[in-house]
Amino acid sequence: MRKVVLTLAIITLILVPVAATNSFALGLNLGTNTGLGVQYQMNDFDVVGNVGYGLLNGFISVDAAASYKVADFSINKARFDVTAGVGGYVGIPLDSDSKLSLAVIVPVGLKYSLANKDWPLDFYLRFSPGVQVLDEVKFFWGANVAALWRFN
C-alpha cells in the first residue's frame, strides 16, 4: 500500500507543470480534527494536511489529502472552488485502552480565496467520508472548516 501511495505521489508531481502557480498556506482548522492546517497549492491541485485533537474520539489526529479543483462557481463576484481528492487519516490514542486508527478518506470541499494582497486568506469547508481500516473496518467521516494565511 505504501508503495502505491508513493508511486501515485511521484506521478502526480511529474505531471504538474513546472510553470505552475505555487503557494503555501498555514492556519487554523476547526472540526473533527481541530488544530493546525497546512496547504500547498499548485494551480488546480492542492495538498492539505491537518494536525490536531480529534473531537470525536479523543485521539491526536493527523490527516493529509491531495485534492483537485473539479468545478467552480460564483456568488456575486466571489468565486468558490469545488474540490475532491483522496487521502489518509491517522488517529493516535491518548490512553492505553485505545488502539491506533487508520482510514482512507475521500475529501470533498469548497474553497474561497480572498483576492486581497493585504489579507491573503484561504477559507475551506471540507467533508471527508472514508473507510477505517485499522483498528477495525468501518465507515469513517470527518468535517473541517479552516482559515489559512497564504504565503505566495
Foldseek 3Di string as FASTA:
>chain_A
DVVVVVVVVVVVVVPQDPPWDWKKWWWFKDWQFGDIKIWIDTHQKIKIWGWHAGPVARFGKIKIWIKGFPDWDDDPNWIKTKIKTKIKMWTHHPDPVDDIKIWIWIKIKIKTFDPDPVFGKIKMWIKIWTWIVPPHTDIDIIIMIIIIGMDD
